[in-house]
């Protein structure tokens, strides 16, 4: 155990002194703080800016029903006697567009609209304003004011989301919490995970390439060497994740006081706890696999190419992020939560959006732990053999034979 501790301590100290590790560790809190300061600067020195230009829309009434018109908020409708006058106002930039209420409007509902802008589809905001204008003038004097108001805004929905397990109402989320937090936490998790795992595969392959590994294996067993390296780099990655999570909690509290969109934003304690648990388990799995791949490759470059086999499946949840935003409880994400290589990132995304049932969480952790035990057992059977294999790239058949005979 003392030899494992010595190796782990050496790997930990070597890693945390790397310039790339230090820069990446401090970059997240510094960039987040810089973003808050920039936002405050823009709000403080930019003021409210110029008042928005009033939207003006011209129209010609061929029905004689809209002379005594009323305009909804946010727009001014300007009446013209003829189409030529409305056209001249458009080209004179007095109005942004104009429309003609045709004589048979009541029977057909047809409106002729004219604009100088190129449009792929009708602008929804303008169409809504025109509809409000027409409804207000058609019903003015015909119904009570409250009926007219309700006709213009018939639906003001209040939507609630129920917890699928308890049936209780889940408090509404901020837009930032719903859309940004899952992707931010997943990216931070992946960066730390792959950085520390990358150090591991690079270190193993370099020691093999320069034959330093022969000296190490003369003093320690392959299992002790593998365990020490995984533990040391895992501790460095865990320290990085803890720094980021503490920074996130502090910066979220600071930012919510100044940025309205982040008002009420909190980072649940459960997310922090399970985030650390998933990092430890995810790193152990990826670290063991990366170390084994580092021992298989003939050179450091070749070992790095092998790691793509592991990295590509791990980033699948991010490829499906648009589906995740729409339906985080989709069966696809249940499968990804249970599959060991995608479980850490998927679980972090789902935990940050509070959309992960308890049974899935427990089953995911159980499968992940079992996979780590199996991976460690397989790695220990072939690790020493591959480390001492120089100048030769083992075939898949040889790898399988060494696993069976190791």
Protein backbone atom coordinates (compact mmCIF):
# COMPACT_ATOMS: atom_id res chain seq x y z
CA UNK A 1 0.00 0.00 0.00
CA UNK A 2 2.91 2.35 0.72
CA UNK A 3 4.17 1.94 -2.86
CA UNK A 4 0.72 2.77 -4.26
CA UNK A 5 0.64 5.87 -2.04
CA UNK A 6 4.10 6.97 -3.23
CA UNK A 7 3.08 6.59 -6.89
CA UNK A 8 -0.26 8.34 -6.29
CA UNK A 9 1.44 11.22 -4.47
CA UNK A 10 3.99 11.64 -7.28
CA UNK A 11 1.30 11.67 -10.00
CA UNK A 12 -0.86 14.09 -8.02
CA UNK A 13 1.94 16.61 -7.40
CA UNK A 14 3.21 16.33 -10.97
CA UNK A 15 -0.26 16.94 -12.40
CA UNK A 16 -1.26 19.93 -10.28
CA UNK A 17 2.02 21.65 -11.21
CA UNK A 18 1.33 21.40 -14.92
CA UNK A 19 0.67 24.76 -16.55
CA UNK A 20 -2.25 23.37 -18.57
CA UNK A 21 -3.89 22.00 -15.41
CA UNK A 22 -3.48 25.28 -13.51
CA UNK A 23 -4.78 27.41 -16.40
CA UNK A 24 -7.81 25.20 -16.97
CA UNK A 25 -8.62 25.07 -13.25
CA UNK A 26 -8.64 28.84 -12.79
CA UNK A 27 -10.12 29.64 -16.21
CA UNK A 28 -13.73 28.75 -15.31
CA UNK A 29 -14.12 30.96 -12.20
CA UNK A 30 -12.14 33.79 -13.83
CA UNK A 31 -14.17 33.73 -17.05
CA UNK A 32 -17.45 33.54 -15.11
CA UNK A 33 -16.39 36.48 -12.93
CA UNK A 34 -15.32 38.42 -16.01
CA UNK A 35 -18.72 37.78 -17.57
CA UNK A 36 -20.49 39.16 -14.49
CA UNK A 37 -18.27 42.27 -14.50
CA UNK A 38 -18.85 42.87 -18.22
CA UNK A 39 -22.60 42.55 -17.72
CA UNK A 40 -22.50 45.02 -14.86
CA UNK A 41 -20.37 47.41 -16.91
CA UNK A 42 -22.76 47.30 -19.86
CA UNK A 43 -25.78 47.88 -17.59
CA UNK A 44 -24.11 50.63 -15.56
CA UNK A 45 -22.45 52.64 -18.33
CA UNK A 46 -24.70 51.73 -21.20
CA UNK A 47 -27.84 53.04 -19.50
CA UNK A 48 -31.20 52.21 -20.96
CA UNK A 49 -30.03 53.10 -24.47
CA UNK A 50 -32.06 54.98 -27.03
CA UNK A 51 -35.83 54.61 -26.69
CA UNK A 52 -37.25 52.05 -29.12
CA UNK A 53 -38.49 53.52 -32.37
CA UNK A 54 -42.26 53.56 -32.56
CA UNK A 55 -43.63 51.07 -35.08
CA UNK A 56 -45.86 52.73 -37.67
CA UNK A 57 -48.06 50.77 -40.05
CA UNK A 58 -50.21 52.39 -42.68
CA UNK A 59 -53.54 51.14 -43.94
CA UNK A 60 -56.28 51.95 -46.43
CA UNK A 61 -59.88 51.18 -45.43
CA UNK A 62 -62.10 50.25 -48.39
CA UNK A 63 -64.94 49.10 -46.13
CA UNK A 64 -65.62 52.38 -44.34
CA UNK A 65 -65.66 50.49 -41.03
CA UNK A 66 -62.25 51.40 -39.64
CA UNK A 67 -62.21 55.22 -39.79
CA UNK A 68 -62.72 55.53 -36.04
CA UNK A 69 -59.97 53.06 -35.23
CA UNK A 70 -58.19 52.18 -32.02
CA UNK A 71 -54.53 51.12 -31.93
CA UNK A 72 -53.13 48.42 -29.65
CA UNK A 73 -50.09 49.15 -27.52
CA UNK A 74 -46.70 49.17 -29.23
CA UNK A 75 -47.78 50.36 -32.69
CA UNK A 76 -49.47 53.27 -34.43
CA UNK A 77 -51.79 52.54 -37.38
CA UNK A 78 -51.92 55.47 -39.80
CA UNK A 79 -55.02 55.82 -42.04
CA UNK A 80 -54.59 56.87 -45.69
CA UNK A 81 -57.38 57.69 -48.11
CA UNK A 82 -55.86 56.00 -51.16
CA UNK A 83 -53.34 53.32 -51.91
CA UNK A 84 -51.10 55.85 -53.69
CA UNK A 85 -50.82 57.88 -50.47
CA UNK A 86 -49.97 54.73 -48.46
CA UNK A 87 -47.38 53.69 -51.07
CA UNK A 88 -45.78 57.15 -50.97
CA UNK A 89 -45.64 56.98 -47.17
CA UNK A 90 -43.92 53.58 -47.38
CA UNK A 91 -41.22 54.78 -49.78
CA UNK A 92 -40.90 58.00 -47.80
CA UNK A 93 -40.18 55.83 -44.73
CA UNK A 94 -43.14 57.30 -42.83
CA UNK A 95 -44.41 53.76 -42.25
CA UNK A 96 -42.66 50.39 -42.23
CA UNK A 97 -45.44 48.73 -44.28
CA UNK A 98 -49.08 49.18 -45.18
CA UNK A 99 -52.12 47.03 -45.81
CA UNK A 100 -55.43 47.43 -47.59
CA UNK A 101 -58.71 46.29 -46.04
CA UNK A 102 -60.61 45.07 -49.09
CA UNK A 103 -64.28 45.84 -49.68
CA UNK A 104 -65.33 42.21 -49.16
CA UNK A 105 -63.30 41.90 -45.94
CA UNK A 106 -66.26 40.81 -43.80
CA UNK A 107 -67.08 37.94 -46.17
CA UNK A 108 -63.52 36.81 -46.98
CA UNK A 109 -61.20 38.22 -44.30
CA UNK A 110 -58.70 39.12 -47.05
CA UNK A 111 -56.06 41.78 -46.34
CA UNK A 112 -53.53 42.95 -48.96
CA UNK A 113 -50.19 43.70 -47.27
CA UNK A 114 -47.27 45.58 -48.84
CA UNK A 115 -43.68 45.89 -47.67
CA UNK A 116 -40.24 46.62 -49.13
CA UNK A 117 -38.53 43.97 -46.99
CA UNK A 118 -37.68 40.52 -48.27
CA UNK A 119 -39.47 37.94 -46.12
CA UNK A 120 -39.40 34.15 -46.15
CA UNK A 121 -42.56 34.08 -44.05
CA UNK A 122 -45.00 36.54 -42.54
CA UNK A 123 -43.59 38.18 -39.38
CA UNK A 124 -45.54 36.80 -36.42
CA UNK A 125 -45.26 39.96 -34.30
CA UNK A 126 -46.67 42.19 -37.03
CA UNK A 127 -49.44 39.73 -37.81
CA UNK A 128 -50.44 39.63 -34.14
CA UNK A 129 -50.57 43.44 -33.98
CA UNK A 130 -52.72 43.61 -37.10
CA UNK A 131 -55.09 40.98 -35.72
CA UNK A 132 -55.43 42.93 -32.47
CA UNK A 133 -56.16 46.07 -34.48
CA UNK A 134 -58.86 44.41 -36.56
CA UNK A 135 -60.51 42.66 -33.61
CA UNK A 136 -60.50 45.82 -31.49
CA UNK A 137 -62.17 47.84 -34.22
CA UNK A 138 -64.66 45.19 -35.23
CA UNK A 139 -65.90 44.73 -31.66
CA UNK A 140 -65.55 48.30 -30.39
CA UNK A 141 -68.94 49.48 -29.16
CA UNK A 142 -70.44 46.04 -29.76
CA UNK A 143 -69.29 44.29 -26.58
CA UNK A 144 -68.19 45.27 -23.08
CA UNK A 145 -64.59 46.35 -22.62
CA UNK A 146 -63.67 43.27 -20.61
CA UNK A 147 -65.09 41.00 -23.33
CA UNK A 148 -63.07 42.88 -25.95
CA UNK A 149 -59.92 42.54 -23.84
CA UNK A 150 -60.50 38.82 -23.40
CA UNK A 151 -61.17 38.38 -27.13
CA UNK A 152 -57.78 39.93 -27.86
CA UNK A 153 -55.98 37.82 -25.23
CA UNK A 154 -58.12 34.68 -24.78
CA UNK A 155 -55.36 32.57 -23.20
CA UNK A 156 -52.88 33.37 -20.42
CA UNK A 157 -51.64 29.87 -19.46
CA UNK A 158 -49.95 28.96 -16.20
CA UNK A 159 -48.22 25.63 -16.71
CA UNK A 160 -47.13 23.33 -13.88
CA UNK A 161 -44.82 20.32 -14.01
CA UNK A 162 -45.53 17.41 -11.67
CA UNK A 163 -42.91 15.13 -10.16
CA UNK A 164 -43.50 11.68 -11.79
CA UNK A 165 -42.70 9.92 -8.50
CA UNK A 166 -44.43 12.04 -5.84
CA UNK A 167 -47.01 13.91 -7.92
CA UNK A 168 -45.99 17.18 -6.26
CA UNK A 169 -45.66 20.40 -8.23
CA UNK A 170 -42.05 21.10 -9.23
CA UNK A 171 -41.13 24.79 -8.74
CA UNK A 172 -40.71 26.62 -12.04
CA UNK A 173 -37.16 26.86 -13.36
CA UNK A 174 -35.43 29.90 -14.73
CA UNK A 175 -34.54 29.75 -18.43
CA UNK A 176 -30.87 29.61 -17.48
CA UNK A 177 -31.42 26.66 -15.16
CA UNK A 178 -33.46 24.81 -17.76
CA UNK A 179 -31.22 25.34 -20.78
CA UNK A 180 -27.74 26.42 -19.73
CA UNK A 181 -26.98 24.54 -16.51
CA UNK A 182 -27.09 21.00 -17.99
CA UNK A 183 -24.71 21.85 -20.82
CA UNK A 184 -22.36 23.89 -18.60
CA UNK A 185 -22.05 21.17 -15.97
CA UNK A 186 -21.64 18.46 -18.61
CA UNK A 187 -18.88 20.39 -20.40
CA UNK A 188 -16.99 21.14 -17.17
CA UNK A 189 -17.30 17.50 -16.15
CA UNK A 190 -16.01 16.28 -19.51
CA UNK A 191 -13.11 18.73 -19.59
CA UNK A 192 -11.83 17.66 -16.20
CA UNK A 193 -12.49 13.99 -16.88
CA UNK A 194 -10.71 13.88 -20.22
CA UNK A 195 -7.88 16.16 -19.11
CA UNK A 196 -6.89 13.94 -16.20
CA UNK A 197 -7.50 10.76 -18.20
CA UNK A 198 -5.42 12.20 -21.02
CA UNK A 199 -2.55 12.86 -18.61
CA UNK A 200 -2.80 9.23 -17.58
CA UNK A 201 -2.67 7.73 -21.06
CA UNK A 202 0.08 10.16 -22.07
CA UNK A 203 2.17 9.40 -19.00
CA UNK A 204 1.88 5.62 -19.37
CA UNK A 205 2.68 5.64 -23.09
CA UNK A 206 5.64 8.01 -22.66
CA UNK A 207 7.11 5.92 -19.85
CA UNK A 208 6.72 2.87 -22.04
CA UNK A 209 8.27 4.59 -25.05
CA UNK A 210 11.38 5.80 -23.20
CA UNK A 211 11.60 2.47 -21.30
CA UNK A 212 11.33 4.10 -17.89
CA UNK A 213 8.57 1.60 -17.27
CA UNK A 214 11.14 -1.22 -16.98
CA UNK A 215 12.71 0.49 -13.96
CA UNK A 216 9.30 1.08 -12.37
CA UNK A 217 8.15 -2.49 -12.85
CA UNK A 218 11.36 -3.76 -11.26
CA UNK A 219 10.26 -2.08 -8.01
CA UNK A 220 6.47 -2.32 -8.05
CA UNK A 221 3.88 -4.66 -9.48
CA UNK A 222 1.77 -3.74 -12.49
CA UNK A 223 -1.34 -3.61 -10.27
CA UNK A 224 0.36 -1.22 -7.83
CA UNK A 225 1.58 0.99 -10.68
CA UNK A 226 -1.86 1.13 -12.30
CA UNK A 227 -3.63 1.77 -8.98
CA UNK A 228 -1.20 4.50 -7.95
CA UNK A 229 -1.45 6.35 -11.26
CA UNK A 230 -5.24 6.17 -11.33
CA UNK A 231 -5.54 7.33 -7.71
CA UNK A 232 -3.06 10.20 -8.06
CA UNK A 233 -4.53 11.65 -11.25
CA UNK A 234 -8.05 11.03 -9.95
CA UNK A 235 -7.28 13.11 -6.86
CA UNK A 236 -6.03 15.93 -9.09
CA UNK A 237 -9.18 15.79 -11.20
CA UNK A 238 -11.38 15.66 -8.10
CA UNK A 239 -9.68 18.74 -6.69
CA UNK A 240 -10.36 20.53 -9.98
CA UNK A 241 -14.03 19.56 -9.94
CA UNK A 242 -14.43 20.65 -6.28
CA UNK A 243 -12.85 24.04 -7.09
CA UNK A 244 -15.22 24.49 -10.03
CA UNK A 245 -18.31 23.46 -8.05
CA UNK A 246 -17.49 25.77 -5.13
CA UNK A 247 -16.84 28.58 -7.61
CA UNK A 248 -20.16 27.85 -9.34
CA UNK A 249 -22.09 28.07 -6.06
CA UNK A 250 -20.43 31.34 -5.05
CA UNK A 251 -20.68 32.95 -8.50
CA UNK A 252 -24.31 31.85 -8.91
CA UNK A 253 -25.18 33.56 -5.63
CA UNK A 254 -23.33 36.73 -6.68
CA UNK A 255 -24.71 36.79 -10.22
CA UNK A 256 -28.34 36.23 -9.16
CA UNK A 257 -28.20 39.48 -7.18
CA UNK A 258 -27.26 41.52 -10.28
CA UNK A 259 -28.62 39.65 -13.29
CA UNK A 260 -32.45 39.39 -13.36
CA UNK A 261 -32.39 36.30 -15.59
CA UNK A 262 -30.54 34.43 -12.85
CA UNK A 263 -32.86 35.50 -10.05
CA UNK A 264 -33.63 32.64 -7.71
CA UNK A 265 -31.00 30.42 -9.30
CA UNK A 266 -29.62 27.88 -6.85
CA UNK A 267 -27.40 24.85 -7.31
CA UNK A 268 -28.89 21.91 -5.37
CA UNK A 269 -26.70 20.17 -2.82
CA UNK A 270 -27.71 16.85 -4.35
CA UNK A 271 -26.24 17.94 -7.69
CA UNK A 272 -22.93 18.79 -6.00
CA UNK A 273 -22.78 15.51 -4.09
CA UNK A 274 -23.74 13.25 -6.98
CA UNK A 275 -21.61 15.32 -9.34
CA UNK A 276 -18.56 14.43 -7.25
CA UNK A 277 -19.65 10.78 -7.00
CA UNK A 278 -20.12 10.49 -10.75
CA UNK A 279 -16.79 12.19 -11.36
CA UNK A 280 -14.97 9.71 -9.13
CA UNK A 281 -16.67 6.70 -10.70
CA UNK A 282 -16.44 8.09 -14.22
CA UNK A 283 -12.77 8.89 -13.80
CA UNK A 284 -12.00 5.43 -12.39
CA UNK A 285 -13.64 3.81 -15.42
CA UNK A 286 -12.08 6.11 -18.00
CA UNK A 287 -8.73 6.15 -16.17
CA UNK A 288 -8.46 2.37 -16.14
CA UNK A 289 -9.41 2.16 -19.81
CA UNK A 290 -7.05 5.01 -20.77
CA UNK A 291 -4.13 3.49 -18.86
CA UNK A 292 -4.72 0.15 -20.58
CA UNK A 293 -4.86 1.84 -23.99
CA UNK A 294 -1.66 3.70 -23.14
CA UNK A 295 0.04 0.39 -22.47
CA UNK A 296 -1.23 -1.15 -25.72
CA UNK A 297 0.00 1.57 -28.10
CA UNK A 298 3.54 1.32 -29.46
CA UNK A 299 4.00 5.12 -29.18
CA UNK A 300 2.37 8.02 -27.32
CA UNK A 301 0.73 9.25 -30.55
CA UNK A 302 -0.72 5.83 -31.29
CA UNK A 303 -2.06 5.53 -27.74
CA UNK A 304 -3.78 8.91 -28.10
CA UNK A 305 -5.50 7.69 -31.25
CA UNK A 306 -6.80 4.67 -29.37
CA UNK A 307 -8.51 6.95 -26.84
CA UNK A 308 -10.99 8.12 -29.50
CA UNK A 309 -12.70 4.75 -29.06
CA UNK A 310 -13.61 5.85 -25.53
CA UNK A 311 -14.13 9.58 -26.06
CA UNK A 312 -16.61 9.35 -28.96
CA UNK A 313 -19.27 7.36 -27.05
CA UNK A 314 -18.85 9.63 -24.01
CA UNK A 315 -19.88 12.77 -25.91
CA UNK A 316 -23.04 11.26 -27.44
CA UNK A 317 -25.25 12.98 -24.81
CA UNK A 318 -24.02 16.39 -26.00
CA UNK A 319 -24.84 15.53 -29.61
CA UNK A 320 -28.42 14.87 -28.48
CA UNK A 321 -28.71 18.05 -26.43
CA UNK A 322 -31.52 19.49 -28.55
CA UNK A 323 -33.58 16.37 -27.85
CA UNK A 324 -32.63 16.61 -24.17
CA UNK A 325 -34.03 20.15 -23.89
CA UNK A 326 -37.35 19.03 -25.35
CA UNK A 327 -37.68 15.73 -23.48
CA UNK A 328 -35.02 14.91 -20.85
CA UNK A 329 -37.01 11.82 -19.81
CA UNK A 330 -36.82 10.25 -23.28
CA UNK A 331 -35.98 6.54 -23.38
CA UNK A 332 -32.74 7.40 -25.18
CA UNK A 333 -31.44 9.23 -22.12
CA UNK A 334 -32.52 6.39 -19.86
CA UNK A 335 -30.36 4.06 -21.95
CA UNK A 336 -27.45 6.51 -21.96
CA UNK A 337 -27.77 6.89 -18.19
CA UNK A 338 -27.39 3.14 -17.72
CA UNK A 339 -24.61 2.62 -20.31
CA UNK A 340 -21.30 2.98 -18.40
CA UNK A 341 -19.37 5.09 -20.95
CA UNK A 342 -22.18 7.65 -21.32
CA UNK A 343 -23.56 7.43 -17.78
CA UNK A 344 -21.40 10.13 -16.09
CA UNK A 345 -22.14 12.92 -18.60
CA UNK A 346 -25.81 11.97 -19.09
CA UNK A 347 -26.43 11.69 -15.35
CA UNK A 348 -24.87 15.12 -14.71
CA UNK A 349 -27.11 16.66 -17.39
CA UNK A 350 -30.25 15.03 -15.99
CA UNK A 351 -29.42 15.80 -12.36
CA UNK A 352 -28.84 19.46 -13.22
CA UNK A 353 -32.32 19.60 -14.77
CA UNK A 354 -33.96 17.56 -11.94
CA UNK A 355 -35.29 14.97 -14.38
CA UNK A 356 -33.75 11.72 -13.13
CA UNK A 357 -35.86 9.16 -11.21
CA UNK A 358 -34.32 7.61 -8.10
CA UNK A 359 -34.37 4.08 -9.50
CA UNK A 360 -32.40 5.16 -12.57
CA UNK A 361 -29.85 6.93 -10.37
CA UNK A 362 -29.29 3.87 -8.18
CA UNK A 363 -29.21 1.44 -11.12
CA UNK A 364 -26.82 3.66 -13.02
CA UNK A 365 -24.41 3.84 -10.08
CA UNK A 366 -24.63 0.07 -9.55
CA UNK A 367 -23.85 -0.71 -13.19
CA UNK A 368 -21.02 1.84 -13.22
CA UNK A 369 -19.41 0.35 -10.10
CA UNK A 370 -19.72 -3.19 -11.48
CA UNK A 371 -18.15 -2.08 -14.76
CA UNK A 372 -15.23 -0.46 -12.92
CA UNK A 373 -14.57 -3.68 -11.00
CA UNK A 374 -14.65 -5.69 -14.23
CA UNK A 375 -12.43 -3.21 -16.07
CA UNK A 376 -9.89 -3.25 -13.25
CA UNK A 377 -9.84 -7.05 -13.29
CA UNK A 378 -9.26 -7.14 -17.07
CA UNK A 379 -6.69 -4.34 -17.01
CA UNK A 380 -4.62 -6.00 -14.30
CA UNK A 381 -4.41 -9.21 -16.39
CA UNK A 382 -2.80 -7.56 -19.41
CA UNK A 383 -1.29 -4.29 -18.14
CA UNK A 384 2.20 -5.62 -17.43
CA UNK A 385 2.38 -7.65 -20.65
CA UNK A 386 1.56 -4.71 -22.90
CA UNK A 387 3.86 -2.32 -21.02
CA UNK A 388 6.86 -4.53 -21.79
CA UNK A 389 5.90 -5.04 -25.44
CA UNK A 390 8.08 -2.65 -27.52
CA UNK A 391 8.01 -1.83 -31.20
CA UNK A 392 4.99 -4.04 -31.89
CA UNK A 393 1.33 -3.22 -32.22
CA UNK A 394 -0.72 -6.12 -30.80
CA UNK A 395 -3.61 -7.39 -32.89
CA UNK A 396 -7.11 -7.78 -31.48
CA UNK A 397 -6.58 -11.52 -31.41
CA UNK A 398 -3.44 -11.11 -29.30
CA UNK A 399 -5.19 -8.71 -26.94
CA UNK A 400 -8.00 -11.21 -26.41
CA UNK A 401 -5.51 -14.05 -25.89
CA UNK A 402 -3.62 -12.05 -23.25
CA UNK A 403 -6.86 -11.25 -21.47
CA UNK A 404 -7.74 -14.96 -21.32
CA UNK A 405 -4.26 -16.07 -20.34
CA UNK A 406 -3.21 -13.10 -18.17
